[in-house]
All heavy atoms as atom14 arrays in JSON, in Angstrom:
{
  "sequence": "GKHGLLPRGPGAQPGLRIAGHDDNPMSRFMTPSLTTAAQNFEAIG",
  "atom14_mask": [
    [1, 1, 1, 1, 0, 0, 0, 0, 0, 0, 0, 0, 0, 0],
    [1, 1, 1, 1, 1, 1, 1, 1, 1, 0, 0, 0, 0, 0],
    [1, 1, 1, 1, 1, 1, 1, 1, 1, 1, 0, 0, 0, 0],
    [1, 1, 1, 1, 0, 0, 0, 0, 0, 0, 0, 0, 0, 0],
    [1, 1, 1, 1, 1, 1, 1, 1, 0, 0, 0, 0, 0, 0],
    [1, 1, 1, 1, 1, 1, 1, 1, 0, 0, 0, 0, 0, 0],
    [1, 1, 1, 1, 1, 1, 1, 0, 0, 0, 0, 0, 0, 0],
    [1, 1, 1, 1, 1, 1, 1, 1, 1, 1, 1, 0, 0, 0],
    [1, 1, 1, 1, 0, 0, 0, 0, 0, 0, 0, 0, 0, 0],
    [1, 1, 1, 1, 1, 1, 1, 0, 0, 0, 0, 0, 0, 0],
    [1, 1, 1, 1, 0, 0, 0, 0, 0, 0, 0, 0, 0, 0],
    [1, 1, 1, 1, 1, 0, 0, 0, 0, 0, 0, 0, 0, 0],
    [1, 1, 1, 1, 1, 1, 1, 1, 1, 0, 0, 0, 0, 0],
    [1, 1, 1, 1, 1, 1, 1, 0, 0, 0, 0, 0, 0, 0],
    [1, 1, 1, 1, 0, 0, 0, 0, 0, 0, 0, 0, 0, 0],
    [1, 1, 1, 1, 1, 1, 1, 1, 0, 0, 0, 0, 0, 0],
    [1, 1, 1, 1, 1, 1, 1, 1, 1, 1, 1, 0, 0, 0],
    [1, 1, 1, 1, 1, 1, 1, 1, 0, 0, 0, 0, 0, 0],
    [1, 1, 1, 1, 1, 0, 0, 0, 0, 0, 0, 0, 0, 0],
    [1, 1, 1, 1, 0, 0, 0, 0, 0, 0, 0, 0, 0, 0],
    [1, 1, 1, 1, 1, 1, 1, 1, 1, 1, 0, 0, 0, 0],
    [1, 1, 1, 1, 1, 1, 1, 1, 0, 0, 0, 0, 0, 0],
    [1, 1, 1, 1, 1, 1, 1, 1, 0, 0, 0, 0, 0, 0],
    [1, 1, 1, 1, 1, 1, 1, 1, 0, 0, 0, 0, 0, 0],
    [1, 1, 1, 1, 1, 1, 1, 0, 0, 0, 0, 0, 0, 0],
    [1, 1, 1, 1, 1, 1, 1, 1, 0, 0, 0, 0, 0, 0],
    [1, 1, 1, 1, 1, 1, 0, 0, 0, 0, 0, 0, 0, 0],
    [1, 1, 1, 1, 1, 1, 1, 1, 1, 1, 1, 0, 0, 0],
    [1, 1, 1, 1, 1, 1, 1, 1, 1, 1, 1, 0, 0, 0],
    [1, 1, 1, 1, 1, 1, 1, 1, 0, 0, 0, 0, 0, 0],
    [1, 1, 1, 1, 1, 1, 1, 0, 0, 0, 0, 0, 0, 0],
    [1, 1, 1, 1, 1, 1, 1, 0, 0, 0, 0, 0, 0, 0],
    [1, 1, 1, 1, 1, 1, 0, 0, 0, 0, 0, 0, 0, 0],
    [1, 1, 1, 1, 1, 1, 1, 1, 0, 0, 0, 0, 0, 0],
    [1, 1, 1, 1, 1, 1, 1, 0, 0, 0, 0, 0, 0, 0],
    [1, 1, 1, 1, 1, 1, 1, 0, 0, 0, 0, 0, 0, 0],
    [1, 1, 1, 1, 1, 0, 0, 0, 0, 0, 0, 0, 0, 0],
    [1, 1, 1, 1, 1, 0, 0, 0, 0, 0, 0, 0, 0, 0],
    [1, 1, 1, 1, 1, 1, 1, 1, 1, 0, 0, 0, 0, 0],
    [1, 1, 1, 1, 1, 1, 1, 1, 0, 0, 0, 0, 0, 0],
    [1, 1, 1, 1, 1, 1, 1, 1, 1, 1, 1, 0, 0, 0],
    [1, 1, 1, 1, 1, 1, 1, 1, 1, 0, 0, 0, 0, 0],
    [1, 1, 1, 1, 1, 0, 0, 0, 0, 0, 0, 0, 0, 0],
    [1, 1, 1, 1, 1, 1, 1, 1, 0, 0, 0, 0, 0, 0],
    [1, 1, 1, 1, 0, 0, 0, 0, 0, 0, 0, 0, 0, 0]
  ],
  "atom14_positions": [
    [[0.82, -1.21, 0.0], [0.0, 0.0, 0.0], [0.85, 1.26, 0.0], [0.53, 2.25, -0.68], [0.0, 0.0, 0.0], [0.0, 0.0, 0.0], [0.0, 0.0, 0.0], [0.0, 0.0, 0.0], [0.0, 0.0, 0.0], [0.0, 0.0, 0.0], [0.0, 0.0, 0.0], [0.0, 0.0, 0.0], [0.0, 0.0, 0.0], [0.0, 0.0, 0.0]],
    [[1.93, 1.21, 0.75], [2.84, 2.36, 0.82], [3.42, 2.69, -0.54], [3.64, 3.87, -0.88], [3.96, 2.03, 1.81], [5.02, 3.1, 1.99], [6.05, 2.63, 3.03], [7.17, 3.64, 3.2], [8.16, 3.17, 4.2], [0.0, 0.0, 0.0], [0.0, 0.0, 0.0], [0.0, 0.0, 0.0], [0.0, 0.0, 0.0], [0.0, 0.0, 0.0]],
    [[3.64, 1.67, -1.38], [4.23, 1.88, -2.7], [3.19, 1.92, -3.82], [3.55, 1.87, -5.0], [5.26, 0.78, -2.98], [6.5, 0.9, -2.15], [7.59, 1.65, -2.53], [6.81, 0.39, -0.93], [8.53, 1.58, -1.59], [8.07, 0.82, -0.61], [0.0, 0.0, 0.0], [0.0, 0.0, 0.0], [0.0, 0.0, 0.0], [0.0, 0.0, 0.0]],
    [[1.91, 2.01, -3.45], [0.85, 2.14, -4.45], [0.67, 0.91, -5.3], [0.26, 1.01, -6.47], [0.0, 0.0, 0.0], [0.0, 0.0, 0.0], [0.0, 0.0, 0.0], [0.0, 0.0, 0.0], [0.0, 0.0, 0.0], [0.0, 0.0, 0.0], [0.0, 0.0, 0.0], [0.0, 0.0, 0.0], [0.0, 0.0, 0.0], [0.0, 0.0, 0.0]],
    [[0.91, -0.28, -4.75], [0.85, -1.51, -5.54], [-0.46, -2.27, -5.39], [-0.65, -3.29, -6.06], [2.0, -2.44, -5.1], [3.42, -1.87, -5.27], [4.44, -2.86, -4.72], [3.71, -1.55, -6.73], [0.0, 0.0, 0.0], [0.0, 0.0, 0.0], [0.0, 0.0, 0.0], [0.0, 0.0, 0.0], [0.0, 0.0, 0.0], [0.0, 0.0, 0.0]],
    [[-1.35, -1.79, -4.53], [-2.62, -2.48, -4.35], [-3.65, -1.94, -5.32], [-3.66, -0.75, -5.64], [-3.11, -2.31, -2.91], [-2.2, -2.91, -1.83], [-2.77, -2.64, -0.45], [-2.01, -4.41, -2.05], [0.0, 0.0, 0.0], [0.0, 0.0, 0.0], [0.0, 0.0, 0.0], [0.0, 0.0, 0.0], [0.0, 0.0, 0.0], [0.0, 0.0, 0.0]],
    [[-4.56, -2.8, -5.8], [-5.56, -2.35, -6.79], [-6.53, -1.35, -6.17], [-6.85, -1.43, -4.99], [-6.27, -3.64, -7.17], [-6.09, -4.55, -5.98], [-4.73, -4.21, -5.45], [0.0, 0.0, 0.0], [0.0, 0.0, 0.0], [0.0, 0.0, 0.0], [0.0, 0.0, 0.0], [0.0, 0.0, 0.0], [0.0, 0.0, 0.0], [0.0, 0.0, 0.0]],
    [[-6.96, -0.4, -6.97], [-7.93, 0.61, -6.52], [-9.11, 0.65, -7.47], [-8.94, 0.53, -8.68], [-7.27, 1.99, -6.43], [-6.12, 2.07, -5.45], [-5.53, 3.47, -5.39], [-4.38, 3.54, -4.48], [-4.47, 3.69, -3.17], [-5.67, 3.79, -2.61], [-3.4, 3.73, -2.42], [0.0, 0.0, 0.0], [0.0, 0.0, 0.0], [0.0, 0.0, 0.0]],
    [[-10.3, 0.83, -6.92], [-11.5, 0.97, -7.74], [-12.16, -0.37, -8.01], [-11.53, -1.43, -7.97], [0.0, 0.0, 0.0], [0.0, 0.0, 0.0], [0.0, 0.0, 0.0], [0.0, 0.0, 0.0], [0.0, 0.0, 0.0], [0.0, 0.0, 0.0], [0.0, 0.0, 0.0], [0.0, 0.0, 0.0], [0.0, 0.0, 0.0], [0.0, 0.0, 0.0]],
    [[-13.49, -0.36, -8.29], [-14.24, -1.59, -8.55], [-13.68, -2.35, -9.74], [-13.4, -1.77, -10.79], [-15.66, -1.07, -8.83], [-15.7, 0.3, -8.24], [-14.31, 0.85, -8.36], [0.0, 0.0, 0.0], [0.0, 0.0, 0.0], [0.0, 0.0, 0.0], [0.0, 0.0, 0.0], [0.0, 0.0, 0.0], [0.0, 0.0, 0.0], [0.0, 0.0, 0.0]],
    [[-13.52, -3.64, -9.58], [-13.08, -4.49, -10.68], [-11.61, -4.39, -11.03], [-11.16, -5.01, -12.0], [0.0, 0.0, 0.0], [0.0, 0.0, 0.0], [0.0, 0.0, 0.0], [0.0, 0.0, 0.0], [0.0, 0.0, 0.0], [0.0, 0.0, 0.0], [0.0, 0.0, 0.0], [0.0, 0.0, 0.0], [0.0, 0.0, 0.0], [0.0, 0.0, 0.0]],
    [[-10.83, -3.62, -10.27], [-9.4, -3.47, -10.58], [-8.69, -4.8, -10.37], [-8.94, -5.52, -9.4], [-8.79, -2.4, -9.69], [0.0, 0.0, 0.0], [0.0, 0.0, 0.0], [0.0, 0.0, 0.0], [0.0, 0.0, 0.0], [0.0, 0.0, 0.0], [0.0, 0.0, 0.0], [0.0, 0.0, 0.0], [0.0, 0.0, 0.0], [0.0, 0.0, 0.0]],
    [[-7.82, -5.15, -11.29], [-7.08, -6.4, -11.21], [-5.68, -6.15, -10.64], [-4.95, -5.3, -11.17], [-6.97, -7.04, -12.6], [-8.31, -7.45, -13.19], [-9.01, -8.49, -12.35], [-8.41, -9.49, -11.96], [-10.29, -8.27, -12.06], [0.0, 0.0, 0.0], [0.0, 0.0, 0.0], [0.0, 0.0, 0.0], [0.0, 0.0, 0.0], [0.0, 0.0, 0.0]],
    [[-5.3, -6.85, -9.61], [-3.99, -6.6, -9.02], [-2.85, -7.15, -9.87], [-2.98, -8.23, -10.46], [-4.07, -7.33, -7.67], [-5.05, -8.44, -7.91], [-6.05, -7.9, -8.89], [0.0, 0.0, 0.0], [0.0, 0.0, 0.0], [0.0, 0.0, 0.0], [0.0, 0.0, 0.0], [0.0, 0.0, 0.0], [0.0, 0.0, 0.0], [0.0, 0.0, 0.0]],
    [[-1.79, -6.4, -9.97], [-0.59, -6.97, -10.56], [0.15, -7.76, -9.51], [0.66, -8.85, -9.77], [0.0, 0.0, 0.0], [0.0, 0.0, 0.0], [0.0, 0.0, 0.0], [0.0, 0.0, 0.0], [0.0, 0.0, 0.0], [0.0, 0.0, 0.0], [0.0, 0.0, 0.0], [0.0, 0.0, 0.0], [0.0, 0.0, 0.0], [0.0, 0.0, 0.0]],
    [[0.19, -7.24, -8.29], [0.79, -7.92, -7.15], [-0.27, -8.78, -6.47], [-1.37, -8.31, -6.17], [1.33, -6.88, -6.16], [1.88, -7.41, -4.84], [3.17, -8.2, -5.07], [2.12, -6.26, -3.87], [0.0, 0.0, 0.0], [0.0, 0.0, 0.0], [0.0, 0.0, 0.0], [0.0, 0.0, 0.0], [0.0, 0.0, 0.0], [0.0, 0.0, 0.0]],
    [[0.07, -10.05, -6.25], [-0.85, -10.94, -5.52], [-0.16, -11.41, -4.23], [1.04, -11.69, -4.23], [-1.23, -12.16, -6.37], [-1.95, -11.8, -7.66], [-2.57, -13.03, -8.3], [-1.58, -14.05, -8.58], [-1.86, -15.36, -8.77], [-3.11, -15.79, -8.67], [-0.9, -16.23, -9.04], [0.0, 0.0, 0.0], [0.0, 0.0, 0.0], [0.0, 0.0, 0.0]],
    [[-0.95, -11.5, -3.17], [-0.41, -11.86, -1.86], [-1.31, -12.93, -1.23], [-2.54, -12.8, -1.25], [-0.33, -10.63, -0.93], [0.56, -9.54, -1.55], [0.19, -11.03, 0.45], [0.44, -8.2, -0.87], [0.0, 0.0, 0.0], [0.0, 0.0, 0.0], [0.0, 0.0, 0.0], [0.0, 0.0, 0.0], [0.0, 0.0, 0.0], [0.0, 0.0, 0.0]],
    [[-0.7, -13.98, -0.7], [-1.45, -15.02, 0.01], [-0.76, -15.32, 1.33], [0.46, -15.13, 1.47], [-1.55, -16.29, -0.84], [0.0, 0.0, 0.0], [0.0, 0.0, 0.0], [0.0, 0.0, 0.0], [0.0, 0.0, 0.0], [0.0, 0.0, 0.0], [0.0, 0.0, 0.0], [0.0, 0.0, 0.0], [0.0, 0.0, 0.0], [0.0, 0.0, 0.0]],
    [[-1.53, -15.77, 2.29], [-1.0, -16.08, 3.61], [-1.25, -17.51, 4.02], [-1.51, -18.39, 3.2], [0.0, 0.0, 0.0], [0.0, 0.0, 0.0], [0.0, 0.0, 0.0], [0.0, 0.0, 0.0], [0.0, 0.0, 0.0], [0.0, 0.0, 0.0], [0.0, 0.0, 0.0], [0.0, 0.0, 0.0], [0.0, 0.0, 0.0], [0.0, 0.0, 0.0]],
    [[-1.2, -17.73, 5.32], [-1.41, -19.08, 5.89], [-1.88, -18.91, 7.32], [-1.29, -18.15, 8.07], [-0.1, -19.86, 5.86], [-0.24, -21.31, 6.24], [-0.53, -21.74, 7.52], [-0.12, -22.44, 5.5], [-0.57, -23.06, 7.55], [-0.34, -23.51, 6.33], [0.0, 0.0, 0.0], [0.0, 0.0, 0.0], [0.0, 0.0, 0.0], [0.0, 0.0, 0.0]],
    [[-2.94, -19.57, 7.7], [-3.49, -19.66, 9.07], [-4.95, -19.25, 9.14], [-5.71, -19.77, 9.93], [-2.73, -18.81, 10.11], [-1.31, -19.29, 10.34], [-0.99, -20.44, 9.97], [-0.5, -18.5, 10.87], [0.0, 0.0, 0.0], [0.0, 0.0, 0.0], [0.0, 0.0, 0.0], [0.0, 0.0, 0.0], [0.0, 0.0, 0.0], [0.0, 0.0, 0.0]],
    [[-5.37, -18.27, 8.35], [-6.69, -17.64, 8.46], [-6.85, -16.95, 9.81], [-7.74, -17.21, 10.6], [-7.83, -18.63, 8.24], [-9.15, -17.93, 7.87], [-9.08, -16.78, 7.39], [-10.22, -18.54, 8.05], [0.0, 0.0, 0.0], [0.0, 0.0, 0.0], [0.0, 0.0, 0.0], [0.0, 0.0, 0.0], [0.0, 0.0, 0.0], [0.0, 0.0, 0.0]],
    [[-5.93, -16.03, 10.05], [-6.01, -15.11, 11.18], [-7.41, -14.49, 11.22], [-7.99, -14.2, 10.17], [-4.94, -14.04, 10.98], [-4.86, -13.01, 12.06], [-5.86, -12.36, 12.39], [-3.69, -12.81, 12.6], [0.0, 0.0, 0.0], [0.0, 0.0, 0.0], [0.0, 0.0, 0.0], [0.0, 0.0, 0.0], [0.0, 0.0, 0.0], [0.0, 0.0, 0.0]],
    [[-8.02, -14.3, 12.41], [-9.38, -13.75, 12.48], [-9.58, -12.43, 11.73], [-10.71, -12.11, 11.33], [-9.6, -13.56, 13.98], [-8.72, -14.57, 14.63], [-7.51, -14.65, 13.74], [0.0, 0.0, 0.0], [0.0, 0.0, 0.0], [0.0, 0.0, 0.0], [0.0, 0.0, 0.0], [0.0, 0.0, 0.0], [0.0, 0.0, 0.0], [0.0, 0.0, 0.0]],
    [[-8.51, -11.65, 11.53], [-8.64, -10.37, 10.84], [-8.41, -10.47, 9.34], [-8.6, -9.49, 8.62], [-7.66, -9.35, 11.44], [-7.91, -9.03, 12.89], [-9.59, -8.41, 13.18], [-9.55, -6.88, 12.25], [0.0, 0.0, 0.0], [0.0, 0.0, 0.0], [0.0, 0.0, 0.0], [0.0, 0.0, 0.0], [0.0, 0.0, 0.0], [0.0, 0.0, 0.0]],
    [[-8.03, -11.64, 8.84], [-7.62, -11.76, 7.44], [-8.72, -11.41, 6.45], [-8.47, -10.82, 5.4], [-7.1, -13.18, 7.17], [-5.94, -13.44, 7.92], [0.0, 0.0, 0.0], [0.0, 0.0, 0.0], [0.0, 0.0, 0.0], [0.0, 0.0, 0.0], [0.0, 0.0, 0.0], [0.0, 0.0, 0.0], [0.0, 0.0, 0.0], [0.0, 0.0, 0.0]],
    [[-9.95, -11.77, 6.8], [-11.04, -11.47, 5.85], [-11.5, -10.02, 5.91], [-12.29, -9.58, 5.08], [-12.22, -12.41, 6.1], [-12.89, -12.29, 7.45], [-13.81, -13.49, 7.67], [-14.47, -13.44, 8.97], [-15.74, -13.06, 9.15], [-16.46, -12.65, 8.11], [-16.28, -13.06, 10.35], [0.0, 0.0, 0.0], [0.0, 0.0, 0.0], [0.0, 0.0, 0.0]],
    [[-10.98, -9.26, 6.89], [-11.36, -7.86, 7.01], [-10.27, -6.91, 6.52], [-10.42, -5.7, 6.63], [-11.72, -7.54, 8.46], [-12.9, -8.31, 8.96], [-12.74, -9.34, 9.87], [-14.18, -8.02, 8.5], [-13.84, -10.07, 10.33], [-15.28, -8.74, 8.96], [-15.11, -9.76, 9.86], [0.0, 0.0, 0.0], [0.0, 0.0, 0.0], [0.0, 0.0, 0.0]],
    [[-9.16, -7.45, 6.02], [-8.11, -6.59, 5.49], [-8.54, -5.99, 4.16], [-9.54, -6.39, 3.56], [-6.82, -7.41, 5.29], [-6.22, -7.94, 6.59], [-4.78, -8.98, 6.25], [-4.36, -9.49, 7.91], [0.0, 0.0, 0.0], [0.0, 0.0, 0.0], [0.0, 0.0, 0.0], [0.0, 0.0, 0.0], [0.0, 0.0, 0.0], [0.0, 0.0, 0.0]],
    [[-7.77, -5.03, 3.68], [-8.03, -4.43, 2.37], [-6.76, -4.54, 1.53], [-5.78, -3.85, 1.82], [-8.44, -2.95, 2.5], [-9.59, -2.86, 3.35], [-8.77, -2.37, 1.15], [0.0, 0.0, 0.0], [0.0, 0.0, 0.0], [0.0, 0.0, 0.0], [0.0, 0.0, 0.0], [0.0, 0.0, 0.0], [0.0, 0.0, 0.0], [0.0, 0.0, 0.0]],
    [[-6.77, -5.42, 0.53], [-7.82, -6.38, 0.19], [-7.86, -7.55, 1.19], [-6.88, -7.8, 1.88], [-7.39, -6.87, -1.19], [-5.9, -6.76, -1.18], [-5.59, -5.53, -0.37], [0.0, 0.0, 0.0], [0.0, 0.0, 0.0], [0.0, 0.0, 0.0], [0.0, 0.0, 0.0], [0.0, 0.0, 0.0], [0.0, 0.0, 0.0], [0.0, 0.0, 0.0]],
    [[-9.01, -8.24, 1.22], [-9.11, -9.4, 2.11], [-8.13, -10.47, 1.63], [-7.82, -10.58, 0.45], [-10.54, -9.93, 2.11], [-10.98, -10.25, 0.8], [0.0, 0.0, 0.0], [0.0, 0.0, 0.0], [0.0, 0.0, 0.0], [0.0, 0.0, 0.0], [0.0, 0.0, 0.0], [0.0, 0.0, 0.0], [0.0, 0.0, 0.0], [0.0, 0.0, 0.0]],
    [[-7.64, -11.25, 2.59], [-6.47, -12.09, 2.34], [-6.85, -13.52, 1.96], [-7.57, -14.21, 2.69], [-5.58, -12.12, 3.59], [-4.25, -12.84, 3.46], [-3.34, -12.15, 2.45], [-3.57, -12.91, 4.84], [0.0, 0.0, 0.0], [0.0, 0.0, 0.0], [0.0, 0.0, 0.0], [0.0, 0.0, 0.0], [0.0, 0.0, 0.0], [0.0, 0.0, 0.0]],
    [[-6.33, -13.96, 0.82], [-6.4, -15.37, 0.46], [-5.42, -16.14, 1.35], [-4.27, -15.73, 1.52], [-6.03, -15.57, -1.02], [-7.07, -15.01, -1.83], [-5.87, -17.05, -1.37], [0.0, 0.0, 0.0], [0.0, 0.0, 0.0], [0.0, 0.0, 0.0], [0.0, 0.0, 0.0], [0.0, 0.0, 0.0], [0.0, 0.0, 0.0], [0.0, 0.0, 0.0]],
    [[-5.89, -17.25, 1.91], [-5.07, -17.94, 2.92], [-5.5, -19.39, 3.06], [-6.49, -19.83, 2.45], [-5.16, -17.2, 4.27], [-4.25, -17.76, 5.2], [-6.58, -17.26, 4.84], [0.0, 0.0, 0.0], [0.0, 0.0, 0.0], [0.0, 0.0, 0.0], [0.0, 0.0, 0.0], [0.0, 0.0, 0.0], [0.0, 0.0, 0.0], [0.0, 0.0, 0.0]],
    [[-4.78, -20.15, 3.88], [-5.14, -21.52, 4.23], [-5.63, -21.53, 5.67], [-4.89, -21.12, 6.58], [-3.94, -22.45, 4.07], [0.0, 0.0, 0.0], [0.0, 0.0, 0.0], [0.0, 0.0, 0.0], [0.0, 0.0, 0.0], [0.0, 0.0, 0.0], [0.0, 0.0, 0.0], [0.0, 0.0, 0.0], [0.0, 0.0, 0.0], [0.0, 0.0, 0.0]],
    [[-6.85, -21.95, 5.88], [-7.46, -21.91, 7.21], [-7.11, -23.16, 7.99], [-7.43, -24.27, 7.59], [-8.98, -21.77, 7.09], [0.0, 0.0, 0.0], [0.0, 0.0, 0.0], [0.0, 0.0, 0.0], [0.0, 0.0, 0.0], [0.0, 0.0, 0.0], [0.0, 0.0, 0.0], [0.0, 0.0, 0.0], [0.0, 0.0, 0.0], [0.0, 0.0, 0.0]],
    [[-6.42, -22.97, 9.12], [-6.13, -24.09, 9.99], [-7.39, -24.53, 10.74], [-8.28, -23.72, 11.01], [-5.04, -23.71, 11.01], [-3.68, -23.43, 10.38], [-2.55, -23.59, 11.38], [-2.47, -24.6, 12.07], [-1.68, -22.6, 11.45], [0.0, 0.0, 0.0], [0.0, 0.0, 0.0], [0.0, 0.0, 0.0], [0.0, 0.0, 0.0], [0.0, 0.0, 0.0]],
    [[-7.42, -25.8, 11.09], [-8.58, -26.36, 11.8], [-8.36, -26.21, 13.3], [-8.0, -27.15, 14.01], [-8.76, -27.83, 11.42], [-10.1, -28.38, 11.87], [-10.74, -27.85, 12.77], [-10.54, -29.44, 11.24], [0.0, 0.0, 0.0], [0.0, 0.0, 0.0], [0.0, 0.0, 0.0], [0.0, 0.0, 0.0], [0.0, 0.0, 0.0], [0.0, 0.0, 0.0]],
    [[-8.57, -24.98, 13.8], [-8.31, -24.69, 15.21], [-9.14, -25.57, 16.13], [-8.64, -26.05, 17.15], [-8.61, -23.21, 15.5], [-7.6, -22.26, 14.94], [-7.78, -21.68, 13.69], [-6.46, -21.93, 15.65], [-6.86, -20.8, 13.17], [-5.53, -21.05, 15.15], [-5.72, -20.49, 13.9], [0.0, 0.0, 0.0], [0.0, 0.0, 0.0], [0.0, 0.0, 0.0]],
    [[-10.4, -25.77, 15.78], [-11.28, -26.55, 16.66], [-10.77, -27.97, 16.83], [-10.7, -28.49, 17.94], [-12.7, -26.57, 16.11], [-13.68, -27.34, 16.98], [-15.1, -27.3, 16.47], [-15.39, -26.53, 15.53], [-15.93, -28.05, 17.01], [0.0, 0.0, 0.0], [0.0, 0.0, 0.0], [0.0, 0.0, 0.0], [0.0, 0.0, 0.0], [0.0, 0.0, 0.0]],
    [[-10.36, -28.6, 15.72], [-9.86, -29.97, 15.79], [-8.54, -30.04, 16.55], [-8.3, -30.96, 17.34], [-9.68, -30.54, 14.39], [0.0, 0.0, 0.0], [0.0, 0.0, 0.0], [0.0, 0.0, 0.0], [0.0, 0.0, 0.0], [0.0, 0.0, 0.0], [0.0, 0.0, 0.0], [0.0, 0.0, 0.0], [0.0, 0.0, 0.0], [0.0, 0.0, 0.0]],
    [[-7.66, -29.05, 16.33], [-6.38, -29.03, 17.04], [-6.59, -28.88, 18.54], [-5.99, -29.59, 19.35], [-5.49, -27.9, 16.48], [-5.07, -28.21, 15.05], [-4.25, -27.7, 17.36], [-4.37, -27.07, 14.34], [0.0, 0.0, 0.0], [0.0, 0.0, 0.0], [0.0, 0.0, 0.0], [0.0, 0.0, 0.0], [0.0, 0.0, 0.0], [0.0, 0.0, 0.0]],
    [[-7.46, -27.93, 18.93], [-7.72, -27.72, 20.34], [-8.36, -28.92, 21.0], [-7.94, -29.36, 22.08], [0.0, 0.0, 0.0], [0.0, 0.0, 0.0], [0.0, 0.0, 0.0], [0.0, 0.0, 0.0], [0.0, 0.0, 0.0], [0.0, 0.0, 0.0], [0.0, 0.0, 0.0], [0.0, 0.0, 0.0], [0.0, 0.0, 0.0], [0.0, 0.0, 0.0]]
  ]
}
């Protein structure tokens, strides 16, 4: 975001793509929301 690399406006296609791992509770509320792998916390606990 600091370098202006995130897409802006409806339907904008990102040149830079970012993915994570864990499905942190805030990941779906980021801008843009984060593609990630959701760990099975309930089963682990």
